[in-house]
Amino acid sequence: MKLFDPRSSYGTIESALGFVKRPSLFVVWDDLQVTPLVNTSSISFLHKMNVPLDDLEEHVVSIGEIEAMNLLGASLTSSKEALTEGLFHLLKKPKDEATT
C-alpha cells in the first residue's frame, strides 16, 4: 500500500507517509499494530491462531484526550495488551453476561 497525503504541497508519496488518499478501513490489534482491513487475510490469520469466530467482538469507541493518555500509558507498560488495557473502561459487557 502506498500512502499519500493529499494536503502535501510536495505532491510526492515519499514525503507524505501516514495518509491514504481515499477512505479505508483498518484493524487495530491489541498490541497497537494497525493493518489494512482485508477480510480474507484477517480470517486466515484468526484460523492460524486458533481463534474461534464466535470469540470476536466489535467495539466502536470515541477516542478523546483521556483515552489517548490511557493508551499511551498502557503502551509504555504493556506490549501485548495495550489496546485492551488502555480502553478497558469503554468495553461494555453484553447484557446477558452483566446479569450473571
PDB file of N, CA and C in Angstrom:
ATOM      1  N   MET A   1       0.845  -1.158   0.000  1.00  0.00           N
ATOM      2  CA  MET A   1       0.000   0.000   0.000  1.00  0.00           C
ATOM      3  C   MET A   1       0.895   1.227   0.000  1.00  0.00           C
ATOM      4  N   LYS A   2       0.665   2.129  -0.917  1.00  0.00           N
ATOM      5  CA  LYS A   2       1.404   3.384  -0.947  1.00  0.00           C
ATOM      6  C   LYS A   2       0.550   4.445  -0.271  1.00  0.00           C
ATOM      7  N   LEU A   3       1.167   5.206   0.588  1.00  0.00           N
ATOM      8  CA  LEU A   3       0.452   6.226   1.344  1.00  0.00           C
ATOM      9  C   LEU A   3       0.739   7.596   0.752  1.00  0.00           C
ATOM     10  N   PHE A   4      -0.253   8.455   0.788  1.00  0.00           N
ATOM     11  CA  PHE A   4      -0.130   9.772   0.179  1.00  0.00           C
ATOM     12  C   PHE A   4      -0.961  10.773   0.961  1.00  0.00           C
ATOM     13  N   ASP A   5      -0.371  11.923   1.253  1.00  0.00           N
ATOM     14  CA  ASP A   5      -1.090  12.999   1.929  1.00  0.00           C
ATOM     15  C   ASP A   5      -1.581  13.976   0.871  1.00  0.00           C
ATOM     16  N   PRO A   6      -2.886  14.029   0.601  1.00  0.00           N
ATOM     17  CA  PRO A   6      -3.385  14.932  -0.437  1.00  0.00           C
ATOM     18  C   PRO A   6      -3.177  16.395  -0.089  1.00  0.00           C
ATOM     19  N   ARG A   7      -2.900  16.701   1.176  1.00  0.00           N
ATOM     20  CA  ARG A   7      -2.657  18.088   1.579  1.00  0.00           C
ATOM     21  C   ARG A   7      -1.207  18.497   1.384  1.00  0.00           C
ATOM     22  N   SER A   8      -0.350  17.549   0.993  1.00  0.00           N
ATOM     23  CA  SER A   8       1.071  17.824   0.854  1.00  0.00           C
ATOM     24  C   SER A   8       1.328  18.773  -0.309  1.00  0.00           C
ATOM     25  N   SER A   9       2.152  19.789  -0.074  1.00  0.00           N
ATOM     26  CA  SER A   9       2.494  20.718  -1.145  1.00  0.00           C
ATOM     27  C   SER A   9       3.539  20.122  -2.080  1.00  0.00           C
ATOM     28  N   TYR A  10       4.232  19.072  -1.636  1.00  0.00           N
ATOM     29  CA  TYR A  10       5.270  18.453  -2.461  1.00  0.00           C
ATOM     30  C   TYR A  10       4.683  17.521  -3.508  1.00  0.00           C
ATOM     31  N   GLY A  11       3.571  16.895  -3.208  1.00  0.00           N
ATOM     32  CA  GLY A  11       2.917  16.013  -4.154  1.00  0.00           C
ATOM     33  C   GLY A  11       3.628  14.697  -4.393  1.00  0.00           C
ATOM     34  N   THR A  12       4.529  14.323  -3.488  1.00  0.00           N
ATOM     35  CA  THR A  12       5.229  13.050  -3.648  1.00  0.00           C
ATOM     36  C   THR A  12       4.759  12.074  -2.589  1.00  0.00           C
ATOM     37  N   ILE A  13       4.864  10.821  -2.919  1.00  0.00           N
ATOM     38  CA  ILE A  13       4.438   9.783  -1.984  1.00  0.00           C
ATOM     39  C   ILE A  13       5.397   9.696  -0.815  1.00  0.00           C
ATOM     40  N   GLU A  14       6.701   9.756  -1.077  1.00  0.00           N
ATOM     41  CA  GLU A  14       7.688   9.584  -0.017  1.00  0.00           C
ATOM     42  C   GLU A  14       7.613  10.672   1.051  1.00  0.00           C
ATOM     43  N   SER A  15       7.246  11.880   0.679  1.00  0.00           N
ATOM     44  CA  SER A  15       7.234  12.979   1.651  1.00  0.00           C
ATOM     45  C   SER A  15       5.989  12.980   2.525  1.00  0.00           C
ATOM     46  N   ALA A  16       5.064  12.063   2.288  1.00  0.00           N
ATOM     47  CA  ALA A  16       3.786  12.142   2.984  1.00  0.00           C
ATOM     48  C   ALA A  16       3.343  10.797   3.536  1.00  0.00           C
ATOM     49  N   LEU A  17       4.240  10.046   4.104  1.00  0.00           N
ATOM     50  CA  LEU A  17       3.845   8.766   4.677  1.00  0.00           C
ATOM     51  C   LEU A  17       2.923   8.986   5.861  1.00  0.00           C
ATOM     52  N   GLY A  18       1.833   8.232   5.923  1.00  0.00           N
ATOM     53  CA  GLY A  18       0.928   8.317   7.049  1.00  0.00           C
ATOM     54  C   GLY A  18      -0.499   8.657   6.678  1.00  0.00           C
ATOM     55  N   PHE A  19      -0.764   8.953   5.422  1.00  0.00           N
ATOM     56  CA  PHE A  19      -2.120   9.276   4.998  1.00  0.00           C
ATOM     57  C   PHE A  19      -2.500   8.405   3.808  1.00  0.00           C
ATOM     58  N   VAL A  20      -3.771   8.108   3.672  1.00  0.00           N
ATOM     59  CA  VAL A  20      -4.252   7.401   2.488  1.00  0.00           C
ATOM     60  C   VAL A  20      -5.116   8.355   1.685  1.00  0.00           C
ATOM     61  N   LYS A  21      -5.183   8.119   0.394  1.00  0.00           N
ATOM     62  CA  LYS A  21      -5.871   9.050  -0.496  1.00  0.00           C
ATOM     63  C   LYS A  21      -7.390   8.960  -0.400  1.00  0.00           C
ATOM     64  N   ARG A  22      -7.912   7.780  -0.110  1.00  0.00           N
ATOM     65  CA  ARG A  22      -9.362   7.611  -0.041  1.00  0.00           C
ATOM     66  C   ARG A  22      -9.732   6.945   1.282  1.00  0.00           C
ATOM     67  N   PRO A  23     -10.988   7.002   1.683  1.00  0.00           N
ATOM     68  CA  PRO A  23     -11.384   6.352   2.936  1.00  0.00           C
ATOM     69  C   PRO A  23     -11.048   4.863   2.905  1.00  0.00           C
ATOM     70  N   SER A  24     -10.503   4.381   3.998  1.00  0.00           N
ATOM     71  CA  SER A  24     -10.111   2.979   4.102  1.00  0.00           C
ATOM     72  C   SER A  24     -10.434   2.473   5.494  1.00  0.00           C
ATOM     73  N   LEU A  25     -10.540   1.167   5.614  1.00  0.00           N
ATOM     74  CA  LEU A  25     -10.780   0.538   6.911  1.00  0.00           C
ATOM     75  C   LEU A  25      -9.501  -0.140   7.383  1.00  0.00           C
ATOM     76  N   PHE A  26      -9.250  -0.043   8.678  1.00  0.00           N
ATOM     77  CA  PHE A  26      -8.066  -0.631   9.271  1.00  0.00           C
ATOM     78  C   PHE A  26      -8.454  -1.398  10.523  1.00  0.00           C
ATOM     79  N   VAL A  27      -7.622  -2.344  10.897  1.00  0.00           N
ATOM     80  CA  VAL A  27      -7.791  -3.093  12.134  1.00  0.00           C
ATOM     81  C   VAL A  27      -6.686  -2.655  13.072  1.00  0.00           C
ATOM     82  N   VAL A  28      -7.055  -2.333  14.316  1.00  0.00           N
ATOM     83  CA  VAL A  28      -6.068  -2.033  15.351  1.00  0.00           C
ATOM     84  C   VAL A  28      -6.035  -3.241  16.269  1.00  0.00           C
ATOM     85  N   TRP A  29      -4.878  -3.900  16.328  1.00  0.00           N
ATOM     86  CA  TRP A  29      -4.717  -5.098  17.145  1.00  0.00           C
ATOM     87  C   TRP A  29      -4.417  -4.709  18.577  1.00  0.00           C
ATOM     88  N   ASP A  30      -4.508  -5.658  19.480  1.00  0.00           N
ATOM     89  CA  ASP A  30      -4.327  -5.394  20.907  1.00  0.00           C
ATOM     90  C   ASP A  30      -2.933  -4.860  21.230  1.00  0.00           C
ATOM     91  N   ASP A  31      -1.940  -5.198  20.403  1.00  0.00           N
ATOM     92  CA  ASP A  31      -0.588  -4.680  20.630  1.00  0.00           C
ATOM     93  C   ASP A  31      -0.361  -3.361  19.887  1.00  0.00           C
ATOM     94  N   LEU A  32      -1.440  -2.731  19.415  1.00  0.00           N
ATOM     95  CA  LEU A  32      -1.478  -1.439  18.730  1.00  0.00           C
ATOM     96  C   LEU A  32      -0.908  -1.467  17.320  1.00  0.00           C
ATOM     97  N   GLN A  33      -0.759  -2.639  16.724  1.00  0.00           N
ATOM     98  CA  GLN A  33      -0.403  -2.708  15.313  1.00  0.00           C
ATOM     99  C   GLN A  33      -1.632  -2.319  14.506  1.00  0.00           C
ATOM    100  N   VAL A  34      -1.425  -1.530  13.454  1.00  0.00           N
ATOM    101  CA  VAL A  34      -2.511  -1.105  12.577  1.00  0.00           C
ATOM    102  C   VAL A  34      -2.274  -1.742  11.213  1.00  0.00           C
ATOM    103  N   THR A  35      -3.274  -2.475  10.722  1.00  0.00           N
ATOM    104  CA  THR A  35      -3.159  -3.130   9.423  1.00  0.00           C
ATOM    105  C   THR A  35      -4.404  -2.838   8.603  1.00  0.00           C
ATOM    106  N   PRO A  36      -4.261  -2.801   7.274  1.00  0.00           N
ATOM    107  CA  PRO A  36      -5.445  -2.607   6.428  1.00  0.00           C
ATOM    108  C   PRO A  36      -6.421  -3.759   6.634  1.00  0.00           C
ATOM    109  N   LEU A  37      -7.692  -3.456   6.578  1.00  0.00           N
ATOM    110  CA  LEU A  37      -8.718  -4.483   6.742  1.00  0.00           C
ATOM    111  C   LEU A  37      -8.902  -5.206   5.414  1.00  0.00           C
ATOM    112  N   VAL A  38      -8.426  -6.432   5.383  1.00  0.00           N
ATOM    113  CA  VAL A  38      -8.612  -7.303   4.230  1.00  0.00           C
ATOM    114  C   VAL A  38      -9.255  -8.559   4.787  1.00  0.00           C
ATOM    115  N   ASN A  39     -10.514  -8.760   4.473  1.00  0.00           N
ATOM    116  CA  ASN A  39     -11.286  -9.836   5.097  1.00  0.00           C
ATOM    117  C   ASN A  39     -10.618 -11.199   5.000  1.00  0.00           C
ATOM    118  N   THR A  40     -10.097 -11.550   3.851  1.00  0.00           N
ATOM    119  CA  THR A  40      -9.532 -12.888   3.693  1.00  0.00           C
ATOM    120  C   THR A  40      -8.292 -13.074   4.543  1.00  0.00           C
ATOM    121  N   SER A  41      -7.426 -12.072   4.614  1.00  0.00           N
ATOM    122  CA  SER A  41      -6.209 -12.237   5.412  1.00  0.00           C
ATOM    123  C   SER A  41      -6.532 -12.237   6.900  1.00  0.00           C
ATOM    124  N   SER A  42      -7.522 -11.476   7.316  1.00  0.00           N
ATOM    125  CA  SER A  42      -7.905 -11.451   8.725  1.00  0.00           C
ATOM    126  C   SER A  42      -8.469 -12.798   9.158  1.00  0.00           C
ATOM    127  N   ILE A  43      -9.318 -13.374   8.333  1.00  0.00           N
ATOM    128  CA  ILE A  43      -9.910 -14.669   8.675  1.00  0.00           C
ATOM    129  C   ILE A  43      -8.847 -15.761   8.685  1.00  0.00           C
ATOM    130  N   SER A  44      -7.944 -15.746   7.712  1.00  0.00           N
ATOM    131  CA  SER A  44      -6.893 -16.770   7.697  1.00  0.00           C
ATOM    132  C   SER A  44      -5.962 -16.608   8.893  1.00  0.00           C
ATOM    133  N   PHE A  45      -5.699 -15.367   9.306  1.00  0.00           N
ATOM    134  CA  PHE A  45      -4.873 -15.134  10.493  1.00  0.00           C
ATOM    135  C   PHE A  45      -5.556 -15.702  11.736  1.00  0.00           C
ATOM    136  N   LEU A  46      -6.850 -15.463  11.880  1.00  0.00           N
ATOM    137  CA  LEU A  46      -7.588 -15.967  13.037  1.00  0.00           C
ATOM    138  C   LEU A  46      -7.599 -17.491  13.060  1.00  0.00           C
ATOM    139  N   HIS A  47      -7.757 -18.107  11.900  1.00  0.00           N
ATOM    140  CA  HIS A  47      -7.709 -19.575  11.841  1.00  0.00           C
ATOM    141  C   HIS A  47      -6.329 -20.083  12.232  1.00  0.00           C
ATOM    142  N   LYS A  48      -5.290 -19.411  11.762  1.00  0.00           N
ATOM    143  CA  LYS A  48      -3.920 -19.819  12.082  1.00  0.00           C
ATOM    144  C   LYS A  48      -3.648 -19.720  13.580  1.00  0.00           C
ATOM    145  N   MET A  49      -4.250 -18.739  14.237  1.00  0.00           N
ATOM    146  CA  MET A  49      -4.060 -18.536  15.675  1.00  0.00           C
ATOM    147  C   MET A  49      -5.074 -19.338  16.503  1.00  0.00           C
ATOM    148  N   ASN A  50      -5.909 -20.150  15.838  1.00  0.00           N
ATOM    149  CA  ASN A  50      -6.932 -20.977  16.501  1.00  0.00           C
ATOM    150  C   ASN A  50      -7.926 -20.147  17.317  1.00  0.00           C
ATOM    151  N   VAL A  51      -8.339 -19.017  16.769  1.00  0.00           N
ATOM    152  CA  VAL A  51      -9.329 -18.159  17.426  1.00  0.00           C
ATOM    153  C   VAL A  51     -10.691 -18.444  16.797  1.00  0.00           C
ATOM    154  N   PRO A  52     -11.648 -18.944  17.575  1.00  0.00           N
ATOM    155  CA  PRO A  52     -12.992 -19.177  17.030  1.00  0.00           C
ATOM    156  C   PRO A  52     -13.653 -17.851  16.653  1.00  0.00           C
ATOM    157  N   LEU A  53     -14.349 -17.838  15.525  1.00  0.00           N
ATOM    158  CA  LEU A  53     -15.003 -16.608  15.085  1.00  0.00           C
ATOM    159  C   LEU A  53     -16.062 -16.147  16.081  1.00  0.00           C
ATOM    160  N   ASP A  54     -16.609 -17.058  16.877  1.00  0.00           N
ATOM    161  CA  ASP A  54     -17.590 -16.687  17.901  1.00  0.00           C
ATOM    162  C   ASP A  54     -16.969 -15.850  19.017  1.00  0.00           C
ATOM    163  N   ASP A  55     -15.648 -15.887  19.152  1.00  0.00           N
ATOM    164  CA  ASP A  55     -14.969 -15.123  20.201  1.00  0.00           C
ATOM    165  C   ASP A  55     -14.741 -13.661  19.824  1.00  0.00           C
ATOM    166  N   LEU A  56     -15.018 -13.294  18.583  1.00  0.00           N
ATOM    167  CA  LEU A  56     -14.762 -11.928  18.131  1.00  0.00           C
ATOM    168  C   LEU A  56     -15.839 -10.977  18.630  1.00  0.00           C
ATOM    169  N   GLU A  57     -15.418  -9.773  18.966  1.00  0.00           N
ATOM    170  CA  GLU A  57     -16.340  -8.715  19.373  1.00  0.00           C
ATOM    171  C   GLU A  57     -15.971  -7.446  18.628  1.00  0.00           C
ATOM    172  N   GLU A  58     -16.969  -6.683  18.256  1.00  0.00           N
ATOM    173  CA  GLU A  58     -16.730  -5.393  17.628  1.00  0.00           C
ATOM    174  C   GLU A  58     -17.095  -4.309  18.629  1.00  0.00           C
ATOM    175  N   HIS A  59     -16.204  -3.350  18.795  1.00  0.00           N
ATOM    176  CA  HIS A  59     -16.453  -2.221  19.683  1.00  0.00           C
ATOM    177  C   HIS A  59     -16.149  -0.937  18.923  1.00  0.00           C
ATOM    178  N   VAL A  60     -17.106  -0.046  18.867  1.00  0.00           N
ATOM    179  CA  VAL A  60     -16.897   1.266  18.270  1.00  0.00           C
ATOM    180  C   VAL A  60     -16.778   2.250  19.420  1.00  0.00           C
ATOM    181  N   VAL A  61     -15.642   2.938  19.494  1.00  0.00           N
ATOM    182  CA  VAL A  61     -15.398   3.860  20.598  1.00  0.00           C
ATOM    183  C   VAL A  61     -14.926   5.200  20.055  1.00  0.00           C
ATOM    184  N   SER A  62     -15.145   6.239  20.828  1.00  0.00           N
ATOM    185  CA  SER A  62     -14.614   7.559  20.511  1.00  0.00           C
ATOM    186  C   SER A  62     -13.357   7.775  21.334  1.00  0.00           C
ATOM    187  N   ILE A  63     -12.301   8.205  20.678  1.00  0.00           N
ATOM    188  CA  ILE A  63     -11.022   8.417  21.350  1.00  0.00           C
ATOM    189  C   ILE A  63     -10.832   9.912  21.575  1.00  0.00           C
ATOM    190  N   GLY A  64     -10.849  10.302  22.829  1.00  0.00           N
ATOM    191  CA  GLY A  64     -10.588  11.685  23.205  1.00  0.00           C
ATOM    192  C   GLY A  64      -9.245  11.786  23.910  1.00  0.00           C
ATOM    193  N   GLU A  65      -9.025  12.904  24.575  1.00  0.00           N
ATOM    194  CA  GLU A  65      -7.740  13.137  25.241  1.00  0.00           C
ATOM    195  C   GLU A  65      -7.484  12.120  26.356  1.00  0.00           C
ATOM    196  N   ILE A  66      -8.501  11.823  27.148  1.00  0.00           N
ATOM    197  CA  ILE A  66      -8.332  10.872  28.258  1.00  0.00           C
ATOM    198  C   ILE A  66      -7.995   9.484  27.719  1.00  0.00           C
ATOM    199  N   GLU A  67      -8.724   9.051  26.681  1.00  0.00           N
ATOM    200  CA  GLU A  67      -8.463   7.735  26.099  1.00  0.00           C
ATOM    201  C   GLU A  67      -7.072   7.676  25.474  1.00  0.00           C
ATOM    202  N   ALA A  68      -6.660   8.759  24.824  1.00  0.00           N
ATOM    203  CA  ALA A  68      -5.319   8.801  24.227  1.00  0.00           C
ATOM    204  C   ALA A  68      -4.241   8.687  25.301  1.00  0.00           C
ATOM    205  N   MET A  69      -4.433   9.358  26.427  1.00  0.00           N
ATOM    206  CA  MET A  69      -3.462   9.262  27.520  1.00  0.00           C
ATOM    207  C   MET A  69      -3.460   7.861  28.125  1.00  0.00           C
ATOM    208  N   ASN A  70      -4.640   7.243  28.247  1.00  0.00           N
ATOM    209  CA  ASN A  70      -4.713   5.860  28.734  1.00  0.00           C
ATOM    210  C   ASN A  70      -3.981   4.908  27.792  1.00  0.00           C
ATOM    211  N   LEU A  71      -4.161   5.104  26.482  1.00  0.00           N
ATOM    212  CA  LEU A  71      -3.465   4.263  25.505  1.00  0.00           C
ATOM    213  C   LEU A  71      -1.955   4.465  25.573  1.00  0.00           C
ATOM    214  N   LEU A  72      -1.532   5.707  25.727  1.00  0.00           N
ATOM    215  CA  LEU A  72      -0.096   5.986  25.844  1.00  0.00           C
ATOM    216  C   LEU A  72       0.483   5.283  27.059  1.00  0.00           C
ATOM    217  N   GLY A  73      -0.176   5.420  28.199  1.00  0.00           N
ATOM    218  CA  GLY A  73       0.302   4.765  29.414  1.00  0.00           C
ATOM    219  C   GLY A  73       0.340   3.254  29.271  1.00  0.00           C
ATOM    220  N   ALA A  74      -0.705   2.686  28.685  1.00  0.00           N
ATOM    221  CA  ALA A  74      -0.753   1.234  28.503  1.00  0.00           C
ATOM    222  C   ALA A  74       0.314   0.766  27.523  1.00  0.00           C
ATOM    223  N   SER A  75       0.585   1.558  26.492  1.00  0.00           N
ATOM    224  CA  SER A  75       1.598   1.153  25.512  1.00  0.00           C
ATOM    225  C   SER A  75       2.996   1.177  26.105  1.00  0.00           C
ATOM    226  N   LEU A  76       3.211   1.995  27.119  1.00  0.00           N
ATOM    227  CA  LEU A  76       4.523   2.066  27.767  1.00  0.00           C
ATOM    228  C   LEU A  76       4.719   0.963  28.793  1.00  0.00           C
ATOM    229  N   THR A  77       3.631   0.366  29.265  1.00  0.00           N
ATOM    230  CA  THR A  77       3.747  -0.663  30.304  1.00  0.00           C
ATOM    231  C   THR A  77       3.385  -2.062  29.820  1.00  0.00           C
ATOM    232  N   SER A  78       2.711  -2.180  28.699  1.00  0.00           N
ATOM    233  CA  SER A  78       2.288  -3.492  28.205  1.00  0.00           C
ATOM    234  C   SER A  78       2.476  -3.546  26.698  1.00  0.00           C
ATOM    235  N   SER A  79       3.268  -4.494  26.232  1.00  0.00           N
ATOM    236  CA  SER A  79       3.482  -4.600  24.792  1.00  0.00           C
ATOM    237  C   SER A  79       2.455  -5.505  24.119  1.00  0.00           C
ATOM    238  N   LYS A  80       1.756  -6.318  24.877  1.00  0.00           N
ATOM    239  CA  LYS A  80       0.844  -7.305  24.284  1.00  0.00           C
ATOM    240  C   LYS A  80      -0.629  -6.909  24.347  1.00  0.00           C
ATOM    241  N   GLU A  81      -1.047  -6.171  25.359  1.00  0.00           N
ATOM    242  CA  GLU A  81      -2.473  -5.882  25.548  1.00  0.00           C
ATOM    243  C   GLU A  81      -2.739  -4.399  25.767  1.00  0.00           C
ATOM    244  N   ALA A  82      -2.008  -3.545  25.083  1.00  0.00           N
ATOM    245  CA  ALA A  82      -2.134  -2.107  25.304  1.00  0.00           C
ATOM    246  C   ALA A  82      -3.523  -1.586  24.955  1.00  0.00           C
ATOM    247  N   LEU A  83      -4.111  -2.080  23.880  1.00  0.00           N
ATOM    248  CA  LEU A  83      -5.433  -1.591  23.484  1.00  0.00           C
ATOM    249  C   LEU A  83      -6.483  -1.956  24.523  1.00  0.00           C
ATOM    250  N   THR A  84      -6.477  -3.200  24.971  1.00  0.00           N
ATOM    251  CA  THR A  84      -7.436  -3.638  25.985  1.00  0.00           C
ATOM    252  C   THR A  84      -7.233  -2.886  27.289  1.00  0.00           C
ATOM    253  N   GLU A  85      -5.983  -2.750  27.733  1.00  0.00           N
ATOM    254  CA  GLU A  85      -5.717  -2.056  28.995  1.00  0.00           C
ATOM    255  C   GLU A  85      -6.040  -0.570  28.902  1.00  0.00           C
ATOM    256  N   GLY A  86      -5.705   0.061  27.794  1.00  0.00           N
ATOM    257  CA  GLY A  86      -5.925   1.497  27.652  1.00  0.00           C
ATOM    258  C   GLY A  86      -7.379   1.888  27.512  1.00  0.00           C
ATOM    259  N   LEU A  87      -8.186   1.008  26.939  1.00  0.00           N
ATOM    260  CA  LEU A  87      -9.600   1.326  26.699  1.00  0.00           C
ATOM    261  C   LEU A  87     -10.541   0.430  27.488  1.00  0.00           C
ATOM    262  N   PHE A  88     -10.021  -0.221  28.521  1.00  0.00           N
ATOM    263  CA  PHE A  88     -10.816  -1.176  29.298  1.00  0.00           C
ATOM    264  C   PHE A  88     -12.113  -0.560  29.806  1.00  0.00           C
ATOM    265  N   HIS A  89     -12.065   0.690  30.236  1.00  0.00           N
ATOM    266  CA  HIS A  89     -13.265   1.317  30.802  1.00  0.00           C
ATOM    267  C   HIS A  89     -14.362   1.544  29.757  1.00  0.00           C
ATOM    268  N   LEU A  90     -14.025   1.460  28.467  1.00  0.00           N
ATOM    269  CA  LEU A  90     -15.022   1.644  27.413  1.00  0.00           C
ATOM    270  C   LEU A  90     -15.648   0.337  26.944  1.00  0.00           C
ATOM    271  N   LEU A  91     -15.060  -0.777  27.331  1.00  0.00           N
ATOM    272  CA  LEU A  91     -15.560  -2.077  26.883  1.00  0.00           C
ATOM    273  C   LEU A  91     -16.701  -2.515  27.784  1.00  0.00           C
ATOM    274  N   LYS A  92     -17.889  -2.606  27.216  1.00  0.00           N
ATOM    275  CA  LYS A  92     -19.073  -2.976  27.989  1.00  0.00           C
ATOM    276  C   LYS A  92     -19.362  -4.447  27.791  1.00  0.00           C
ATOM    277  N   LYS A  93     -19.784  -5.082  28.843  1.00  0.00           N
ATOM    278  CA  LYS A  93     -20.167  -6.489  28.777  1.00  0.00           C
ATOM    279  C   LYS A  93     -21.550  -6.597  28.141  1.00  0.00           C
ATOM    280  N   PRO A  94     -21.788  -7.662  27.368  1.00  0.00           N
ATOM    281  CA  PRO A  94     -23.146  -7.884  26.849  1.00  0.00           C
ATOM    282  C   PRO A  94     -24.136  -8.033  28.002  1.00  0.00           C
ATOM    283  N   LYS A  95     -25.395  -7.708  27.761  1.00  0.00           N
ATOM    284  CA  LYS A  95     -26.411  -7.717  28.819  1.00  0.00           C
ATOM    285  C   LYS A  95     -26.540  -9.065  29.504  1.00  0.00           C
ATOM    286  N   ASP A  96     -26.439 -10.167  28.755  1.00  0.00           N
ATOM    287  CA  ASP A  96     -26.615 -11.472  29.388  1.00  0.00           C
ATOM    288  C   ASP A  96     -25.450 -11.810  30.321  1.00  0.00           C
ATOM    289  N   GLU A  97     -24.238 -11.291  30.076  1.00  0.00           N
ATOM    290  CA  GLU A  97     -23.113 -11.533  30.977  1.00  0.00           C
ATOM    291  C   GLU A  97     -23.154 -10.604  32.182  1.00  0.00           C
ATOM    292  N   ALA A  98     -23.707  -9.411  32.013  1.00  0.00           N
ATOM    293  CA  ALA A  98     -23.728  -8.429  33.095  1.00  0.00           C
ATOM    294  C   ALA A  98     -24.650  -8.856  34.231  1.00  0.00           C
ATOM    295  N   THR A  99     -25.641  -9.675  33.940  1.00  0.00           N
ATOM    296  CA  THR A  99     -26.597 -10.079  34.971  1.00  0.00           C
ATOM    297  C   THR A  99     -26.159 -11.313  35.735  1.00  0.00           C
ATOM    298  N   THR A 100     -25.117 -12.005  35.257  1.00  0.00           N
ATOM    299  CA  THR A 100     -24.692 -13.229  35.946  1.00  0.00           C
ATOM    300  C   THR A 100     -23.556 -12.968  36.893  1.00  0.00           C
TER     301      THR A 100
END
